[in-house]
Amino acid sequence: MEFKEPQAIYLQIAEYVCEKILLEKWNTDEKIPSVRELAVELEVNPNTAMRSYEFLQNKEIIYNKRGIGFFVSANAKEKVSVFRKQQFLETELPVFLKNMNILNISIQEIETFYIAFIKSKNLN
């Protein structure tokens, strides 16, 4: 995983876990990689991975079965969707809209690109 500079690594790892849930690679009540496994996979300190899991546990996206590991919570996909949507609207969309304005890009141009993107990814 390649980390972006301005955002804390533990939050980027949390986004990685959320993406796995949204893409249904990890499903409700399914055991997810242990803190150590995740740390090795992403080449980070186990304390950083644990901080990500604690963050997600506080958001009720994952839960811990003591001595067994972490699991995907019921309604995790919906909770992730709400969380990520709020995060996008508050942080990423304003930058996007500013760039649209500066570059004089119309909503219609964006719509054309969006439709092409959806078709190319077969997401419709």
N, C-alpha and C. Protein backbone atom coordinates (compact mmCIF):
# COMPACT_ATOMS: atom_id res chain seq x y z
N MET A 1 0.85 -1.18 0.00
CA MET A 1 0.00 0.00 0.00
C MET A 1 0.89 1.23 0.00
N GLU A 2 0.54 2.18 -0.86
CA GLU A 2 1.29 3.43 -0.92
C GLU A 2 0.53 4.48 -0.13
N PHE A 3 1.22 5.09 0.86
CA PHE A 3 0.58 6.04 1.74
C PHE A 3 0.72 7.47 1.22
N LYS A 4 -0.35 8.26 1.41
CA LYS A 4 -0.36 9.66 1.00
C LYS A 4 0.13 10.51 2.17
N GLU A 5 0.90 11.51 1.87
CA GLU A 5 1.57 12.31 2.89
C GLU A 5 0.65 13.06 3.87
N PRO A 6 -0.33 13.83 3.41
CA PRO A 6 -1.01 14.69 4.39
C PRO A 6 -1.91 13.96 5.40
N GLN A 7 -2.33 12.75 5.10
CA GLN A 7 -3.27 12.05 5.98
C GLN A 7 -2.53 11.05 6.86
N ALA A 8 -2.95 10.93 8.10
CA ALA A 8 -2.33 9.98 9.04
C ALA A 8 -2.42 8.55 8.49
N ILE A 9 -1.37 7.78 8.68
CA ILE A 9 -1.31 6.42 8.14
C ILE A 9 -2.43 5.56 8.70
N TYR A 10 -2.74 5.69 9.99
CA TYR A 10 -3.79 4.85 10.58
C TYR A 10 -5.14 5.11 9.91
N LEU A 11 -5.39 6.35 9.49
CA LEU A 11 -6.64 6.67 8.80
C LEU A 11 -6.65 6.10 7.38
N GLN A 12 -5.50 6.07 6.74
CA GLN A 12 -5.40 5.47 5.41
C GLN A 12 -5.62 3.97 5.48
N ILE A 13 -5.12 3.36 6.55
CA ILE A 13 -5.34 1.92 6.75
C ILE A 13 -6.83 1.68 7.02
N ALA A 14 -7.45 2.55 7.80
CA ALA A 14 -8.89 2.43 8.06
C ALA A 14 -9.67 2.53 6.75
N GLU A 15 -9.26 3.42 5.85
CA GLU A 15 -9.91 3.53 4.54
C GLU A 15 -9.73 2.25 3.74
N TYR A 16 -8.56 1.65 3.84
CA TYR A 16 -8.28 0.38 3.15
C TYR A 16 -9.24 -0.70 3.64
N VAL A 17 -9.43 -0.80 4.95
CA VAL A 17 -10.34 -1.79 5.53
C VAL A 17 -11.77 -1.48 5.08
N CYS A 18 -12.15 -0.22 5.11
CA CYS A 18 -13.50 0.18 4.69
C CYS A 18 -13.74 -0.18 3.22
N GLU A 19 -12.73 0.01 2.41
CA GLU A 19 -12.88 -0.34 0.99
C GLU A 19 -13.12 -1.84 0.82
N LYS A 20 -12.41 -2.65 1.60
CA LYS A 20 -12.61 -4.11 1.55
C LYS A 20 -14.06 -4.45 1.90
N ILE A 21 -14.61 -3.74 2.87
CA ILE A 21 -15.99 -3.98 3.29
C ILE A 21 -16.97 -3.51 2.21
N LEU A 22 -16.74 -2.32 1.65
CA LEU A 22 -17.63 -1.80 0.61
C LEU A 22 -17.62 -2.67 -0.64
N LEU A 23 -16.46 -3.22 -0.97
CA LEU A 23 -16.34 -4.09 -2.15
C LEU A 23 -16.77 -5.53 -1.85
N GLU A 24 -17.22 -5.75 -0.62
CA GLU A 24 -17.71 -7.06 -0.14
C GLU A 24 -16.65 -8.15 -0.22
N LYS A 25 -15.39 -7.74 -0.02
CA LYS A 25 -14.31 -8.72 0.09
C LYS A 25 -14.27 -9.25 1.52
N TRP A 26 -14.73 -8.42 2.45
CA TRP A 26 -14.90 -8.81 3.85
C TRP A 26 -16.37 -8.57 4.20
N ASN A 27 -17.07 -9.61 4.65
CA ASN A 27 -18.51 -9.53 4.88
C ASN A 27 -18.85 -9.57 6.37
N THR A 28 -20.11 -9.28 6.67
CA THR A 28 -20.62 -9.26 8.04
C THR A 28 -20.25 -10.53 8.79
N ASP A 29 -19.76 -10.34 10.00
CA ASP A 29 -19.36 -11.41 10.93
C ASP A 29 -18.19 -12.25 10.43
N GLU A 30 -17.52 -11.78 9.39
CA GLU A 30 -16.34 -12.48 8.88
C GLU A 30 -15.10 -11.98 9.63
N LYS A 31 -14.22 -12.91 9.99
CA LYS A 31 -12.98 -12.55 10.66
C LYS A 31 -12.07 -11.85 9.66
N ILE A 32 -11.49 -10.75 10.09
CA ILE A 32 -10.56 -10.00 9.25
C ILE A 32 -9.13 -10.28 9.71
N PRO A 33 -8.13 -9.90 8.93
CA PRO A 33 -6.75 -10.18 9.34
C PRO A 33 -6.45 -9.63 10.74
N SER A 34 -5.61 -10.36 11.45
CA SER A 34 -5.20 -9.89 12.78
C SER A 34 -4.39 -8.61 12.63
N VAL A 35 -4.18 -7.94 13.73
CA VAL A 35 -3.39 -6.71 13.74
C VAL A 35 -2.00 -7.00 13.15
N ARG A 36 -1.39 -8.08 13.60
CA ARG A 36 -0.04 -8.42 13.10
C ARG A 36 -0.06 -8.76 11.62
N GLU A 37 -1.06 -9.54 11.18
CA GLU A 37 -1.16 -9.89 9.76
C GLU A 37 -1.32 -8.64 8.89
N LEU A 38 -2.18 -7.73 9.34
CA LEU A 38 -2.41 -6.50 8.59
C LEU A 38 -1.14 -5.65 8.56
N ALA A 39 -0.46 -5.57 9.70
CA ALA A 39 0.78 -4.79 9.77
C ALA A 39 1.84 -5.34 8.82
N VAL A 40 1.96 -6.66 8.77
CA VAL A 40 2.93 -7.28 7.86
C VAL A 40 2.53 -7.02 6.40
N GLU A 41 1.25 -7.23 6.11
CA GLU A 41 0.75 -7.05 4.74
C GLU A 41 0.98 -5.63 4.23
N LEU A 42 0.75 -4.64 5.10
CA LEU A 42 0.85 -3.23 4.69
C LEU A 42 2.21 -2.61 5.03
N GLU A 43 3.07 -3.41 5.66
CA GLU A 43 4.42 -2.97 6.03
C GLU A 43 4.39 -1.75 6.94
N VAL A 44 3.61 -1.86 8.02
CA VAL A 44 3.53 -0.80 9.02
C VAL A 44 3.77 -1.40 10.41
N ASN A 45 3.96 -0.54 11.36
CA ASN A 45 4.11 -0.95 12.75
C ASN A 45 2.78 -1.53 13.25
N PRO A 46 2.82 -2.63 14.00
CA PRO A 46 1.57 -3.20 14.54
C PRO A 46 0.76 -2.20 15.37
N ASN A 47 1.43 -1.26 16.03
CA ASN A 47 0.70 -0.24 16.81
C ASN A 47 -0.15 0.65 15.90
N THR A 48 0.35 0.91 14.70
CA THR A 48 -0.41 1.71 13.73
C THR A 48 -1.63 0.94 13.25
N ALA A 49 -1.45 -0.34 12.96
CA ALA A 49 -2.57 -1.19 12.55
C ALA A 49 -3.61 -1.26 13.67
N MET A 50 -3.14 -1.40 14.90
CA MET A 50 -4.06 -1.47 16.05
C MET A 50 -4.84 -0.17 16.19
N ARG A 51 -4.17 0.94 15.98
CA ARG A 51 -4.84 2.24 16.07
C ARG A 51 -5.97 2.32 15.03
N SER A 52 -5.72 1.78 13.83
CA SER A 52 -6.75 1.76 12.78
C SER A 52 -7.94 0.92 13.22
N TYR A 53 -7.65 -0.26 13.76
CA TYR A 53 -8.73 -1.14 14.22
C TYR A 53 -9.51 -0.51 15.37
N GLU A 54 -8.82 0.17 16.28
CA GLU A 54 -9.52 0.85 17.38
C GLU A 54 -10.43 1.96 16.84
N PHE A 55 -9.94 2.70 15.85
CA PHE A 55 -10.73 3.75 15.21
C PHE A 55 -12.00 3.16 14.60
N LEU A 56 -11.84 2.06 13.86
CA LEU A 56 -12.98 1.41 13.22
C LEU A 56 -13.93 0.77 14.23
N GLN A 57 -13.37 0.27 15.32
CA GLN A 57 -14.20 -0.30 16.38
C GLN A 57 -15.04 0.79 17.03
N ASN A 58 -14.46 1.97 17.23
CA ASN A 58 -15.21 3.10 17.80
C ASN A 58 -16.33 3.57 16.89
N LYS A 59 -16.15 3.38 15.58
CA LYS A 59 -17.19 3.72 14.60
C LYS A 59 -18.18 2.57 14.41
N GLU A 60 -17.99 1.48 15.16
CA GLU A 60 -18.85 0.28 15.11
C GLU A 60 -18.86 -0.37 13.73
N ILE A 61 -17.72 -0.30 13.04
CA ILE A 61 -17.56 -0.93 11.73
C ILE A 61 -17.00 -2.33 11.89
N ILE A 62 -16.16 -2.52 12.89
CA ILE A 62 -15.63 -3.83 13.24
C ILE A 62 -15.82 -4.04 14.74
N TYR A 63 -15.74 -5.29 15.18
CA TYR A 63 -15.81 -5.57 16.61
C TYR A 63 -14.79 -6.65 16.94
N ASN A 64 -14.44 -6.69 18.22
CA ASN A 64 -13.41 -7.60 18.71
C ASN A 64 -14.04 -8.71 19.53
N LYS A 65 -13.70 -9.95 19.19
CA LYS A 65 -14.04 -11.09 20.05
C LYS A 65 -12.76 -11.40 20.79
N ARG A 66 -12.75 -11.09 22.04
CA ARG A 66 -11.54 -11.23 22.86
C ARG A 66 -10.91 -12.61 22.69
N GLY A 67 -9.63 -12.60 22.34
CA GLY A 67 -8.88 -13.84 22.18
C GLY A 67 -9.05 -14.51 20.82
N ILE A 68 -10.00 -14.02 20.03
CA ILE A 68 -10.25 -14.63 18.72
C ILE A 68 -9.83 -13.69 17.59
N GLY A 69 -10.18 -12.41 17.69
CA GLY A 69 -9.79 -11.44 16.67
C GLY A 69 -10.89 -10.46 16.36
N PHE A 70 -10.68 -9.75 15.27
CA PHE A 70 -11.63 -8.72 14.84
C PHE A 70 -12.52 -9.25 13.73
N PHE A 71 -13.77 -8.78 13.73
CA PHE A 71 -14.78 -9.22 12.78
C PHE A 71 -15.53 -8.00 12.23
N VAL A 72 -16.12 -8.16 11.05
CA VAL A 72 -16.93 -7.11 10.43
C VAL A 72 -18.28 -7.06 11.15
N SER A 73 -18.66 -5.87 11.57
CA SER A 73 -19.92 -5.67 12.30
C SER A 73 -21.13 -5.77 11.37
N ALA A 74 -22.28 -6.04 12.00
CA ALA A 74 -23.54 -5.98 11.26
C ALA A 74 -23.72 -4.52 10.81
N ASN A 75 -24.26 -4.34 9.64
CA ASN A 75 -24.49 -3.00 9.07
C ASN A 75 -23.20 -2.23 8.82
N ALA A 76 -22.06 -2.92 8.79
CA ALA A 76 -20.77 -2.25 8.56
C ALA A 76 -20.75 -1.53 7.22
N LYS A 77 -21.28 -2.18 6.20
CA LYS A 77 -21.27 -1.58 4.86
C LYS A 77 -22.02 -0.25 4.86
N GLU A 78 -23.17 -0.21 5.52
CA GLU A 78 -23.95 1.02 5.58
C GLU A 78 -23.22 2.09 6.40
N LYS A 79 -22.61 1.68 7.51
CA LYS A 79 -21.87 2.63 8.36
C LYS A 79 -20.67 3.18 7.62
N VAL A 80 -19.97 2.32 6.88
CA VAL A 80 -18.82 2.76 6.09
C VAL A 80 -19.29 3.74 5.02
N SER A 81 -20.39 3.43 4.37
CA SER A 81 -20.93 4.29 3.33
C SER A 81 -21.23 5.69 3.87
N VAL A 82 -21.89 5.75 4.99
CA VAL A 82 -22.24 7.04 5.62
C VAL A 82 -20.97 7.79 6.00
N PHE A 83 -20.02 7.10 6.63
CA PHE A 83 -18.77 7.71 7.06
C PHE A 83 -17.97 8.23 5.87
N ARG A 84 -17.79 7.37 4.85
CA ARG A 84 -16.99 7.76 3.68
C ARG A 84 -17.66 8.89 2.89
N LYS A 85 -18.99 8.84 2.80
CA LYS A 85 -19.71 9.89 2.08
C LYS A 85 -19.52 11.23 2.78
N GLN A 86 -19.66 11.24 4.10
CA GLN A 86 -19.46 12.47 4.87
C GLN A 86 -18.04 12.99 4.70
N GLN A 87 -17.07 12.08 4.78
CA GLN A 87 -15.66 12.44 4.61
C GLN A 87 -15.42 13.04 3.22
N PHE A 88 -15.99 12.41 2.19
CA PHE A 88 -15.84 12.91 0.82
C PHE A 88 -16.45 14.30 0.68
N LEU A 89 -17.67 14.47 1.18
CA LEU A 89 -18.35 15.75 1.03
C LEU A 89 -17.64 16.88 1.77
N GLU A 90 -17.01 16.56 2.90
CA GLU A 90 -16.35 17.59 3.70
C GLU A 90 -14.93 17.89 3.26
N THR A 91 -14.22 16.90 2.72
CA THR A 91 -12.80 17.13 2.43
C THR A 91 -12.44 17.11 0.95
N GLU A 92 -12.94 16.13 0.21
CA GLU A 92 -12.52 15.97 -1.17
C GLU A 92 -13.36 16.79 -2.15
N LEU A 93 -14.67 16.84 -1.95
CA LEU A 93 -15.54 17.55 -2.89
C LEU A 93 -15.21 19.04 -2.97
N PRO A 94 -14.96 19.73 -1.87
CA PRO A 94 -14.62 21.16 -1.99
C PRO A 94 -13.38 21.41 -2.87
N VAL A 95 -12.38 20.56 -2.76
CA VAL A 95 -11.18 20.69 -3.60
C VAL A 95 -11.54 20.44 -5.06
N PHE A 96 -12.34 19.40 -5.29
CA PHE A 96 -12.79 19.08 -6.65
C PHE A 96 -13.57 20.25 -7.26
N LEU A 97 -14.51 20.80 -6.49
CA LEU A 97 -15.33 21.91 -6.99
C LEU A 97 -14.48 23.15 -7.25
N LYS A 98 -13.52 23.41 -6.40
CA LYS A 98 -12.60 24.54 -6.59
C LYS A 98 -11.85 24.37 -7.91
N ASN A 99 -11.35 23.16 -8.16
CA ASN A 99 -10.63 22.89 -9.41
C ASN A 99 -11.53 23.01 -10.62
N MET A 100 -12.78 22.56 -10.49
CA MET A 100 -13.74 22.72 -11.59
C MET A 100 -13.90 24.20 -11.92
N ASN A 101 -14.03 25.01 -10.90
CA ASN A 101 -14.22 26.44 -11.09
C ASN A 101 -12.99 27.07 -11.72
N ILE A 102 -11.82 26.78 -11.20
CA ILE A 102 -10.57 27.36 -11.71
C ILE A 102 -10.35 26.97 -13.17
N LEU A 103 -10.65 25.70 -13.49
CA LEU A 103 -10.41 25.19 -14.84
C LEU A 103 -11.60 25.38 -15.78
N ASN A 104 -12.65 26.00 -15.26
CA ASN A 104 -13.85 26.27 -16.05
C ASN A 104 -14.42 24.98 -16.66
N ILE A 105 -14.58 23.96 -15.82
CA ILE A 105 -15.15 22.67 -16.24
C ILE A 105 -16.62 22.67 -15.86
N SER A 106 -17.46 22.36 -16.81
CA SER A 106 -18.91 22.39 -16.57
C SER A 106 -19.38 21.07 -15.94
N ILE A 107 -20.55 21.14 -15.35
CA ILE A 107 -21.20 19.95 -14.79
C ILE A 107 -21.46 18.94 -15.91
N GLN A 108 -21.82 19.44 -17.09
CA GLN A 108 -22.08 18.56 -18.22
C GLN A 108 -20.83 17.77 -18.62
N GLU A 109 -19.66 18.42 -18.60
CA GLU A 109 -18.41 17.72 -18.91
C GLU A 109 -18.14 16.62 -17.87
N ILE A 110 -18.37 16.95 -16.63
CA ILE A 110 -18.16 15.97 -15.56
C ILE A 110 -19.13 14.81 -15.73
N GLU A 111 -20.38 15.12 -16.05
CA GLU A 111 -21.38 14.08 -16.25
C GLU A 111 -20.97 13.13 -17.38
N THR A 112 -20.45 13.68 -18.47
CA THR A 112 -20.00 12.86 -19.59
C THR A 112 -18.88 11.91 -19.15
N PHE A 113 -17.91 12.43 -18.42
CA PHE A 113 -16.81 11.60 -17.93
C PHE A 113 -17.30 10.56 -16.93
N TYR A 114 -18.25 10.96 -16.09
CA TYR A 114 -18.78 10.05 -15.08
C TYR A 114 -19.52 8.88 -15.75
N ILE A 115 -20.34 9.18 -16.73
CA ILE A 115 -21.08 8.12 -17.45
C ILE A 115 -20.11 7.17 -18.14
N ALA A 116 -19.08 7.72 -18.78
CA ALA A 116 -18.07 6.88 -19.43
C ALA A 116 -17.35 6.01 -18.40
N PHE A 117 -17.06 6.58 -17.25
CA PHE A 117 -16.39 5.83 -16.18
C PHE A 117 -17.25 4.66 -15.71
N ILE A 118 -18.52 4.92 -15.47
CA ILE A 118 -19.45 3.89 -15.01
C ILE A 118 -19.55 2.79 -16.05
N LYS A 119 -19.66 3.15 -17.29
CA LYS A 119 -19.75 2.15 -18.36
C LYS A 119 -18.48 1.32 -18.46
N SER A 120 -17.33 1.97 -18.34
CA SER A 120 -16.05 1.25 -18.45
C SER A 120 -15.82 0.31 -17.28
N LYS A 121 -16.36 0.64 -16.14
CA LYS A 121 -16.21 -0.20 -14.95
C LYS A 121 -17.38 -1.17 -14.79
N ASN A 122 -18.38 -1.01 -15.67
CA ASN A 122 -19.58 -1.82 -15.63
C ASN A 122 -20.24 -1.77 -14.25
N LEU A 123 -20.35 -0.55 -13.72
CA LEU A 123 -20.90 -0.33 -12.38
C LEU A 123 -22.37 0.05 -12.40
N ASN A 124 -22.98 0.18 -13.56
CA ASN A 124 -24.37 0.64 -13.59
C ASN A 124 -25.35 -0.41 -13.30
